[in-house]
């Protein structure tokens, strides 16, 4: 069954105290709105021909730019005169061939596709289905008003308009509903704004449905995290921790060992083999793959990386756009930048930076070094304090280091330059020409000892 999906994202979010539209604030590294659109996309994939309509208003241009290229039709609400007025703007974009219209909120990011699908099924193109939840503190939410027997839903009263008795009701409307499309058109067109806020409330259609004899059903959700909205930085932070806990528990259920699930952040997708161990304070971004037996030390930031089986990433490393081979050791305090590729058993030590370079199996750069735009052979020993000078001020150049090369400490390899297999570079050398295989290159000033030299002293005042 095809469905219209309407996502409301026009609000300003005054309590966020930000120039950024509320729905563009980030949760787990992605805009709030994108979480909702992803859920809508999953639902749309199971309901062929789904039509997604996004209602924008405050910061419309910025919101539209974020969703550009996605299968979403944007309509604007200006001025913003309430939720009912928002849906009125979407009516021309609804496909009447779709019997059901689902309404979601762009600032309620953690709705699961299965929950949205259950709401659509509860409507079935014939009933008005409301997604509800019971909250210990329902302040700010519209209350579900039932008949004396507690079975039939009679209406929703907004918190601002509720009486003392109505505010005691704990079952609340989440802001999400599914309605027969034809009836929704009729009801929304008849909305009035004779209320305290002089706004058009979408919730008023419940009473219209009851008056017409259209069944109104409440579809409860068990996990309140799915329906919590974001209206302030505090609520955003609280929802972040809920989502991170959810993700952490899913990983632990799959066998990942997290030292502390309360100190874990995933802002993308993490794929783990068996026996992966992750210490505290690690942040994963983008798409990261960890092979079997990988160990990640505390307080690392890892983005868009592939770390093969048995590798160990020691604490305080920053890895982005890199591939780490099996059994490699990285860190502590190492940085792998985009294009870094480490072979098997490679060692990258403390305060070593690698960028756009490939290190073959068994290569080592253990201390205070830089490798940029380099091809490094197997079993190379790259000395402390050595660097590839890969940039001449206008262009980048490549350094090629053959297998079994030994580079002493505090060397500068001025690219483009090639060091042949088995070559050795003496410590403190600046290499500007190719070094043949099996030779020793030394390029430094001859040491002098000056007898009788006296160190300068400060003049007395």
Protein backbone atom coordinates (compact mmCIF):
# COMPACT_ATOMS: atom_id res chain seq x y z
CA UNK A 1 0.00 0.00 0.00
CA UNK A 2 1.48 3.33 -1.07
CA UNK A 3 1.46 6.19 1.42
CA UNK A 4 1.97 9.94 1.60
CA UNK A 5 4.59 10.87 4.21
CA UNK A 6 4.46 14.45 5.47
CA UNK A 7 7.39 15.68 7.58
CA UNK A 8 6.86 18.93 9.46
CA UNK A 9 10.07 20.96 9.72
CA UNK A 10 9.03 24.61 9.60
CA UNK A 11 9.50 25.65 13.24
CA UNK A 12 12.11 28.14 14.40
CA UNK A 13 13.09 26.39 17.62
CA UNK A 14 13.39 29.56 19.71
CA UNK A 15 14.59 27.69 22.80
CA UNK A 16 17.61 26.38 20.90
CA UNK A 17 18.90 29.99 20.95
CA UNK A 18 20.62 29.42 17.63
CA UNK A 19 20.62 30.89 14.14
CA UNK A 20 20.60 27.33 12.76
CA UNK A 21 17.12 25.93 12.00
CA UNK A 22 16.20 23.49 14.77
CA UNK A 23 15.86 20.47 12.50
CA UNK A 24 19.45 20.95 11.28
CA UNK A 25 21.03 20.58 14.71
CA UNK A 26 23.00 17.35 14.82
CA UNK A 27 22.28 14.12 16.65
CA UNK A 28 24.95 11.42 16.40
CA UNK A 29 26.62 13.45 13.66
CA UNK A 30 23.57 13.91 11.41
CA UNK A 31 20.83 16.56 11.30
CA UNK A 32 17.71 15.74 13.31
CA UNK A 33 15.72 15.97 10.11
CA UNK A 34 17.90 13.41 8.33
CA UNK A 35 17.12 10.79 10.95
CA UNK A 36 13.41 11.27 10.23
CA UNK A 37 13.90 11.22 6.46
CA UNK A 38 15.93 8.02 6.76
CA UNK A 39 13.05 6.39 8.67
CA UNK A 40 10.63 7.68 6.03
CA UNK A 41 12.86 6.28 3.29
CA UNK A 42 12.90 2.85 4.92
CA UNK A 43 9.13 2.94 5.24
CA UNK A 44 8.83 4.14 1.65
CA UNK A 45 10.89 1.20 0.45
CA UNK A 46 8.28 -1.17 1.88
CA UNK A 47 5.36 0.91 0.56
CA UNK A 48 6.10 1.23 -3.15
CA UNK A 49 5.40 4.65 -4.58
CA UNK A 50 5.63 6.53 -1.29
CA UNK A 51 5.36 10.30 -1.67
CA UNK A 52 7.43 12.30 0.86
CA UNK A 53 6.55 15.95 1.43
CA UNK A 54 8.69 18.20 3.63
CA UNK A 55 7.16 21.33 5.12
CA UNK A 56 9.80 24.02 5.62
CA UNK A 57 9.55 27.53 7.00
CA UNK A 58 12.17 29.08 9.25
CA UNK A 59 15.54 28.85 7.50
CA UNK A 60 13.84 27.25 4.50
CA UNK A 61 16.77 27.78 2.16
CA UNK A 62 19.21 26.06 4.52
CA UNK A 63 16.87 23.13 5.11
CA UNK A 64 16.17 22.73 1.40
CA UNK A 65 19.90 22.74 0.67
CA UNK A 66 20.47 19.87 3.11
CA UNK A 67 17.79 17.67 1.50
CA UNK A 68 18.69 18.56 -2.09
CA UNK A 69 19.06 15.44 -4.19
CA UNK A 70 16.85 13.32 -1.93
CA UNK A 71 13.43 12.01 -3.00
CA UNK A 72 11.63 14.75 -1.09
CA UNK A 73 9.27 17.48 -2.26
CA UNK A 74 9.53 20.70 -0.25
CA UNK A 75 6.64 23.08 0.42
CA UNK A 76 6.93 26.29 2.42
CA UNK A 77 4.87 27.49 5.38
CA UNK A 78 5.06 31.25 5.75
CA UNK A 79 4.07 32.56 8.16
CA UNK A 80 4.00 29.68 10.66
CA UNK A 81 0.48 29.59 12.09
CA UNK A 82 0.43 26.19 13.75
CA UNK A 83 0.56 22.52 12.88
CA UNK A 84 -2.79 22.52 11.12
CA UNK A 85 -1.73 25.45 8.98
CA UNK A 86 1.47 23.56 8.12
CA UNK A 87 -0.46 20.56 6.81
CA UNK A 88 -2.71 22.90 4.83
CA UNK A 89 0.39 23.92 2.85
CA UNK A 90 1.15 20.28 2.08
CA UNK A 91 -2.31 19.40 0.74
CA UNK A 92 -1.56 20.30 -2.92
CA UNK A 93 1.45 17.96 -2.85
CA UNK A 94 -0.44 14.91 -1.55
CA UNK A 95 -1.10 12.05 -3.94
CA UNK A 96 -4.80 11.16 -3.73
CA UNK A 97 -4.06 7.71 -5.08
CA UNK A 98 -2.48 6.97 -1.69
CA UNK A 99 -5.27 6.19 0.75
CA UNK A 100 -3.17 6.96 3.85
CA UNK A 101 -1.15 10.01 4.83
CA UNK A 102 1.44 9.66 7.59
CA UNK A 103 2.53 12.79 9.47
CA UNK A 104 5.93 12.87 11.17
CA UNK A 105 7.89 15.61 12.95
CA UNK A 106 11.34 16.72 11.83
CA UNK A 107 12.44 17.37 15.42
CA UNK A 108 11.45 13.90 16.68
CA UNK A 109 14.40 12.01 15.21
CA UNK A 110 14.39 8.52 16.70
CA UNK A 111 11.11 7.15 15.37
CA UNK A 112 11.74 3.60 14.17
CA UNK A 113 10.53 2.61 10.70
CA UNK A 114 8.66 -0.34 12.24
CA UNK A 115 6.75 2.02 14.54
CA UNK A 116 5.83 4.30 11.64
CA UNK A 117 4.72 1.25 9.62
CA UNK A 118 2.53 0.06 12.51
CA UNK A 119 0.88 3.49 12.60
CA UNK A 120 0.16 3.31 8.86
CA UNK A 121 -1.32 -0.17 9.31
CA UNK A 122 -3.48 1.04 12.21
CA UNK A 123 -4.95 3.66 9.87
CA UNK A 124 -5.48 1.30 6.97
CA UNK A 125 -6.86 4.17 4.92
CA UNK A 126 -10.05 4.14 7.04
CA UNK A 127 -9.24 5.20 10.61
CA UNK A 128 -7.50 8.16 12.22
CA UNK A 129 -4.53 6.60 14.02
CA UNK A 130 -2.65 8.57 16.68
CA UNK A 131 0.77 7.57 17.97
CA UNK A 132 0.63 7.88 21.76
CA UNK A 133 2.91 7.26 24.73
CA UNK A 134 2.59 7.42 28.51
CA UNK A 135 5.05 9.80 30.13
CA UNK A 136 5.89 10.29 33.79
CA UNK A 137 6.08 14.02 33.05
CA UNK A 138 3.71 14.89 30.18
CA UNK A 139 4.27 18.66 30.43
CA UNK A 140 4.07 20.40 27.08
CA UNK A 141 2.34 17.55 25.27
CA UNK A 142 -1.26 17.33 24.07
CA UNK A 143 -3.29 14.98 26.29
CA UNK A 144 -5.37 12.08 24.92
CA UNK A 145 -8.95 12.50 26.11
CA UNK A 146 -10.99 9.28 26.24
CA UNK A 147 -14.56 8.43 27.08
CA UNK A 148 -15.65 7.45 30.60
CA UNK A 149 -14.77 3.83 29.94
CA UNK A 150 -11.30 4.74 28.72
CA UNK A 151 -11.76 2.92 25.41
CA UNK A 152 -12.72 5.47 22.78
CA UNK A 153 -10.53 8.45 21.94
CA UNK A 154 -12.63 11.62 21.97
CA UNK A 155 -10.01 14.24 21.29
CA UNK A 156 -6.66 15.84 22.10
CA UNK A 157 -6.28 18.91 24.24
CA UNK A 158 -3.12 20.98 23.99
CA UNK A 159 -1.18 21.53 27.21
CA UNK A 160 -1.69 25.29 27.06
CA UNK A 161 -5.45 24.85 26.77
CA UNK A 162 -5.84 21.92 29.18
CA UNK A 163 -7.68 22.08 32.49
CA UNK A 164 -6.11 20.94 35.76
CA UNK A 165 -7.76 17.51 35.44
CA UNK A 166 -6.72 17.17 31.79
CA UNK A 167 -3.11 18.02 32.65
CA UNK A 168 -3.12 15.05 35.03
CA UNK A 169 -3.53 12.68 32.05
CA UNK A 170 -0.26 10.86 31.33
CA UNK A 171 -1.17 9.48 27.90
CA UNK A 172 -0.03 12.05 25.37
CA UNK A 173 -0.11 12.61 21.64
CA UNK A 174 3.36 12.37 20.15
CA UNK A 175 2.69 14.68 17.22
CA UNK A 176 2.56 11.80 14.75
CA UNK A 177 -0.56 10.41 13.12
CA UNK A 178 -1.84 8.55 10.08
CA UNK A 179 -5.11 9.59 8.46
CA UNK A 180 -7.24 8.72 5.44
CA UNK A 181 -5.98 11.15 2.79
CA UNK A 182 -9.40 12.22 1.51
CA UNK A 183 -10.71 12.83 5.03
CA UNK A 184 -7.52 14.68 6.01
CA UNK A 185 -8.09 17.14 3.16
CA UNK A 186 -11.59 17.80 4.38
CA UNK A 187 -10.74 18.14 8.04
CA UNK A 188 -7.69 20.37 7.61
CA UNK A 189 -9.61 22.74 5.35
CA UNK A 190 -12.20 23.20 8.13
CA UNK A 191 -9.73 24.05 10.94
CA UNK A 192 -10.33 27.22 13.00
CA UNK A 193 -7.93 29.28 15.11
CA UNK A 194 -10.24 30.24 17.99
CA UNK A 195 -7.82 29.20 20.76
CA UNK A 196 -5.37 30.83 23.17
CA UNK A 197 -2.55 30.93 20.63
CA UNK A 198 -4.66 31.93 17.61
CA UNK A 199 -3.15 29.00 15.74
CA UNK A 200 -4.57 26.21 13.63
CA UNK A 201 -4.11 22.99 15.60
CA UNK A 202 -3.85 19.76 13.65
CA UNK A 203 -5.10 17.97 16.76
CA UNK A 204 -8.55 19.53 16.27
CA UNK A 205 -9.20 17.04 13.47
CA UNK A 206 -9.67 14.33 16.11
CA UNK A 207 -12.96 15.88 17.21
CA UNK A 208 -14.00 16.18 13.56
CA UNK A 209 -13.33 12.50 13.00
CA UNK A 210 -15.35 11.59 16.09
CA UNK A 211 -18.23 13.79 14.90
CA UNK A 212 -18.22 12.04 11.52
CA UNK A 213 -18.12 8.60 13.07
CA UNK A 214 -14.64 7.86 11.71
CA UNK A 215 -12.89 5.50 14.16
CA UNK A 216 -10.06 7.12 16.11
CA UNK A 217 -7.47 4.65 17.39
CA UNK A 218 -4.46 5.16 19.64
CA UNK A 219 -1.34 3.28 18.57
CA UNK A 220 0.88 3.12 21.67
CA UNK A 221 4.67 3.08 21.55
CA UNK A 222 6.54 1.32 24.36
CA UNK A 223 9.87 3.14 24.12
CA UNK A 224 9.46 6.82 24.85
CA UNK A 225 12.87 7.53 23.28
CA UNK A 226 11.27 7.07 19.85
CA UNK A 227 8.90 9.98 20.36
CA UNK A 228 10.93 12.50 22.33
CA UNK A 229 11.31 15.82 20.55
CA UNK A 230 14.12 18.36 20.70
CA UNK A 231 13.34 21.92 21.77
CA UNK A 232 16.48 22.95 23.67
CA UNK A 233 20.21 22.18 23.83
CA UNK A 234 19.58 20.23 27.03
CA UNK A 235 16.97 18.00 25.35
CA UNK A 236 19.32 17.49 22.40
CA UNK A 237 22.12 16.37 24.73
CA UNK A 238 19.80 14.05 26.64
CA UNK A 239 18.57 12.46 23.42
CA UNK A 240 22.17 12.07 22.22
CA UNK A 241 22.96 9.97 25.28
CA UNK A 242 19.81 7.87 24.80
CA UNK A 243 20.73 7.18 21.19
CA UNK A 244 24.33 6.39 22.04
CA UNK A 245 23.20 3.98 24.73
CA UNK A 246 20.87 2.30 22.22
CA UNK A 247 23.73 1.92 19.74
CA UNK A 248 26.13 0.70 22.41
CA UNK A 249 23.71 -1.97 23.59
CA UNK A 250 23.19 -3.19 20.02
CA UNK A 251 26.96 -3.56 19.58
CA UNK A 252 27.35 -5.38 22.89
CA UNK A 253 24.48 -7.70 21.98
CA UNK A 254 26.54 -8.56 18.88
CA UNK A 255 29.59 -9.39 21.02
CA UNK A 256 31.57 -6.14 21.04
CA UNK A 257 33.21 -5.40 24.39
CA UNK A 258 32.77 -1.78 25.40
CA UNK A 259 34.66 -0.72 28.52
CA UNK A 260 31.83 1.68 29.40
CA UNK A 261 28.72 2.07 27.20
CA UNK A 262 28.07 5.46 28.81
CA UNK A 263 31.35 6.75 27.33
CA UNK A 264 30.92 5.76 23.71
CA UNK A 265 29.95 7.80 20.64
CA UNK A 266 28.98 6.51 17.22
CA UNK A 267 28.21 9.14 14.59
CA UNK A 268 27.78 6.94 11.56
CA UNK A 269 28.05 3.19 10.93
CA UNK A 270 30.35 0.78 12.80
CA UNK A 271 30.87 -2.79 11.59
CA UNK A 272 32.72 -5.12 13.96
CA UNK A 273 34.11 -8.62 13.73
CA UNK A 274 34.25 -10.95 16.74
CA UNK A 275 36.22 -10.13 19.89
CA UNK A 276 36.54 -6.40 19.27
CA UNK A 277 37.42 -4.34 22.36
CA UNK A 278 36.76 -0.59 22.61
CA UNK A 279 37.96 1.49 25.55
CA UNK A 280 36.33 4.64 26.93
CA UNK A 281 35.86 7.94 25.13
CA UNK A 282 36.25 6.64 21.58
CA UNK A 283 34.38 8.53 18.83
CA UNK A 284 33.51 6.80 15.56
CA UNK A 285 32.38 8.89 12.58
CA UNK A 286 31.37 8.03 9.02
CA UNK A 287 31.77 4.34 8.16
CA UNK A 288 34.26 2.33 10.18
CA UNK A 289 35.06 -1.38 9.95
CA UNK A 290 36.91 -3.21 12.73
CA UNK A 291 38.18 -6.72 12.02
CA UNK A 292 38.28 -9.64 14.42
CA UNK A 293 40.19 -9.03 17.62
CA UNK A 294 40.83 -5.33 17.02
CA UNK A 295 41.53 -3.32 20.16
CA UNK A 296 40.86 0.43 20.28
CA UNK A 297 42.46 2.40 23.11
CA UNK A 298 40.87 5.23 25.05
CA UNK A 299 39.97 8.59 23.54
CA UNK A 300 40.61 7.85 19.88
CA UNK A 301 38.72 9.56 17.03
CA UNK A 302 38.24 7.26 14.05
CA UNK A 303 36.48 8.38 10.86
CA UNK A 304 35.89 6.47 7.60
CA UNK A 305 38.52 3.83 8.31
CA UNK A 306 39.10 0.12 7.77
CA UNK A 307 41.09 -1.55 10.56
CA UNK A 308 41.99 -5.18 9.87
CA UNK A 309 42.01 -8.15 12.22
CA UNK A 310 44.34 -8.10 15.19
CA UNK A 311 45.36 -4.47 14.85
CA UNK A 312 45.82 -2.43 18.02
CA UNK A 313 45.11 1.29 18.12
CA UNK A 314 46.65 2.71 21.27
CA UNK A 315 45.05 5.67 23.12
CA UNK A 316 44.67 9.20 21.78
CA UNK A 317 45.00 8.44 18.06
CA UNK A 318 43.24 10.29 15.25
CA UNK A 319 42.49 8.19 12.17
CA UNK A 320 40.62 9.46 9.09
CA UNK A 321 40.22 7.96 5.64
CA UNK A 322 42.86 5.32 6.36
CA UNK A 323 43.33 1.56 6.11
CA UNK A 324 45.22 -0.31 8.83
CA UNK A 325 46.53 -3.78 8.03
CA UNK A 326 46.29 -6.95 10.12
CA UNK A 327 48.34 -6.98 13.28
CA UNK A 328 49.46 -3.36 12.90
CA UNK A 329 50.23 -1.25 15.97
CA UNK A 330 49.30 2.44 15.93
CA UNK A 331 49.98 5.09 18.57
CA UNK A 332 49.62 6.33 21.17
CA UNK A 333 49.16 9.88 19.90
CA UNK A 334 49.47 8.98 16.21
CA UNK A 335 47.61 10.56 13.31
CA UNK A 336 46.63 8.74 10.13
CA UNK A 337 45.26 11.16 7.54
CA UNK A 338 43.32 10.38 4.34
CA UNK A 339 45.13 8.02 2.01
CA UNK A 340 47.23 6.36 4.69
CA UNK A 341 47.52 2.60 4.04
CA UNK A 342 49.36 0.40 6.49
CA UNK A 343 50.29 -3.17 5.61
CA UNK A 344 50.46 -6.13 7.98
CA UNK A 345 52.46 -5.72 11.20
CA UNK A 346 53.28 -2.07 10.48
CA UNK A 347 54.24 -0.02 13.56
CA UNK A 348 53.28 3.66 13.76
CA UNK A 349 54.37 5.10 17.07
CA UNK A 350 53.82 8.15 19.21
CA UNK A 351 53.58 11.52 17.47
CA UNK A 352 53.88 10.06 13.98
CA UNK A 353 51.74 11.46 11.16
CA UNK A 354 51.04 9.59 7.91
CA UNK A 355 49.23 11.15 4.94
CA UNK A 356 48.55 9.73 1.46
CA UNK A 357 51.24 7.11 1.96
CA UNK A 358 51.44 3.34 1.75
CA UNK A 359 53.62 1.39 4.15
CA UNK A 360 54.30 -2.22 3.19
CA UNK A 361 54.34 -5.13 5.62
CA UNK A 362 56.57 -4.77 8.65
CA UNK A 363 57.57 -1.14 8.12
CA UNK A 364 58.17 0.91 11.27
CA UNK A 365 58.03 4.60 12.10
CA UNK A 366 58.06 4.58 15.87
CA UNK A 367 58.71 8.15 17.01
CA UNK A 368 58.13 11.78 16.07
CA UNK A 369 58.01 11.43 12.29
CA UNK A 370 56.09 12.55 9.20
CA UNK A 371 55.37 10.53 6.06
CA UNK A 372 53.46 12.37 3.36
CA UNK A 373 52.95 11.29 -0.27
CA UNK A 374 55.29 8.35 0.19
CA UNK A 375 55.55 4.73 -0.89
CA UNK A 376 57.40 2.79 1.80
CA UNK A 377 58.66 -0.75 1.26
CA UNK A 378 58.58 -3.76 3.53
CA UNK A 379 60.58 -3.79 6.77
CA UNK A 380 61.68 -0.17 6.42
CA UNK A 381 62.92 1.41 9.66
CA UNK A 382 62.07 5.12 9.59
CA UNK A 383 63.99 7.03 12.26
CA UNK A 384 62.75 9.42 14.92
CA UNK A 385 62.40 13.03 13.83
CA UNK A 386 62.60 12.22 10.10
CA UNK A 387 60.22 13.74 7.55
CA UNK A 388 59.37 13.64 3.88
CA UNK A 389 59.48 17.19 2.52
CA UNK A 390 56.74 16.58 -0.02
CA UNK A 391 55.61 20.15 -0.79
CA UNK A 392 57.70 22.71 -2.66
CA UNK A 393 55.29 25.57 -2.08
CA UNK A 394 53.31 24.90 -5.26
CA UNK A 395 53.13 21.15 -5.88
CA UNK A 396 53.21 17.87 -3.98
CA UNK A 397 55.92 15.33 -4.85
CA UNK A 398 56.36 11.68 -3.99
CA UNK A 399 59.04 9.86 -2.01
CA UNK A 400 59.73 6.19 -2.81
CA UNK A 401 61.53 4.12 -0.19
CA UNK A 402 62.50 0.57 -1.17
CA UNK A 403 62.33 -2.58 0.93
CA UNK A 404 64.67 -2.91 3.93
CA UNK A 405 65.80 0.73 3.85
CA UNK A 406 67.07 2.13 7.15
CA UNK A 407 66.64 5.86 7.71
CA UNK A 408 68.44 7.39 10.66
CA UNK A 409 67.04 9.95 13.04
CA UNK A 410 66.36 13.56 12.14
CA UNK A 411 66.56 13.14 8.34
CA UNK A 412 64.80 15.18 5.66
CA UNK A 413 63.88 13.43 2.39
CA UNK A 414 63.26 16.19 -0.16
CA UNK A 415 60.81 14.84 -2.74
CA UNK A 416 60.80 13.75 -5.47
CA UNK A 417 63.39 11.24 -4.38
CA UNK A 418 63.87 7.46 -4.47
CA UNK A 419 65.81 5.33 -2.01
CA UNK A 420 66.80 1.94 -3.42
CA UNK A 421 66.33 -1.44 -1.77
CA UNK A 422 68.52 -1.90 1.29
CA UNK A 423 69.87 1.65 1.29
CA UNK A 424 70.86 3.41 4.51
CA UNK A 425 70.59 7.11 5.30
CA UNK A 426 72.79 8.43 8.09
CA UNK A 427 71.18 10.38 10.89
CA UNK A 428 70.80 14.12 10.40
CA UNK A 429 70.99 13.91 6.59
CA UNK A 430 69.06 16.04 4.10
CA UNK A 431 68.59 13.87 1.02
CA UNK A 432 67.91 15.71 -2.25
CA UNK A 433 69.10 13.09 -4.76
CA UNK A 434 68.23 9.43 -5.34
CA UNK A 435 70.12 6.88 -3.20
CA UNK A 436 71.13 3.67 -5.03
CA UNK A 437 70.26 0.28 -3.60
CA UNK A 438 72.55 -1.04 -0.89
CA UNK A 439 74.49 2.20 -0.39
CA UNK A 440 74.96 4.57 2.53
CA UNK A 441 73.98 8.22 2.05
CA UNK A 442 75.24 10.88 4.44
CA UNK A 443 74.41 14.53 3.75
CA UNK A 444 75.36 16.79 6.64
CA UNK A 445 77.97 19.40 7.50
CA UNK A 446 81.29 18.16 8.89
CA UNK A 447 81.51 18.54 12.65
CA UNK A 448 83.95 21.13 14.00
CA UNK A 449 85.26 21.54 17.54
CA UNK A 450 86.35 25.08 18.47
CA UNK A 451 88.85 25.18 21.27
CA UNK A 452 88.71 28.00 23.80
CA UNK A 453 85.21 29.09 22.90
CA UNK A 454 83.33 30.89 25.65
CA UNK A 455 79.61 30.94 25.98
CA UNK A 456 78.13 34.49 26.03
CA UNK A 457 76.91 35.79 29.38
CA UNK A 458 74.39 38.47 30.22
CA UNK A 459 75.81 41.91 30.94
CA UNK A 460 75.41 43.06 34.54
CA UNK A 461 73.12 46.04 35.01
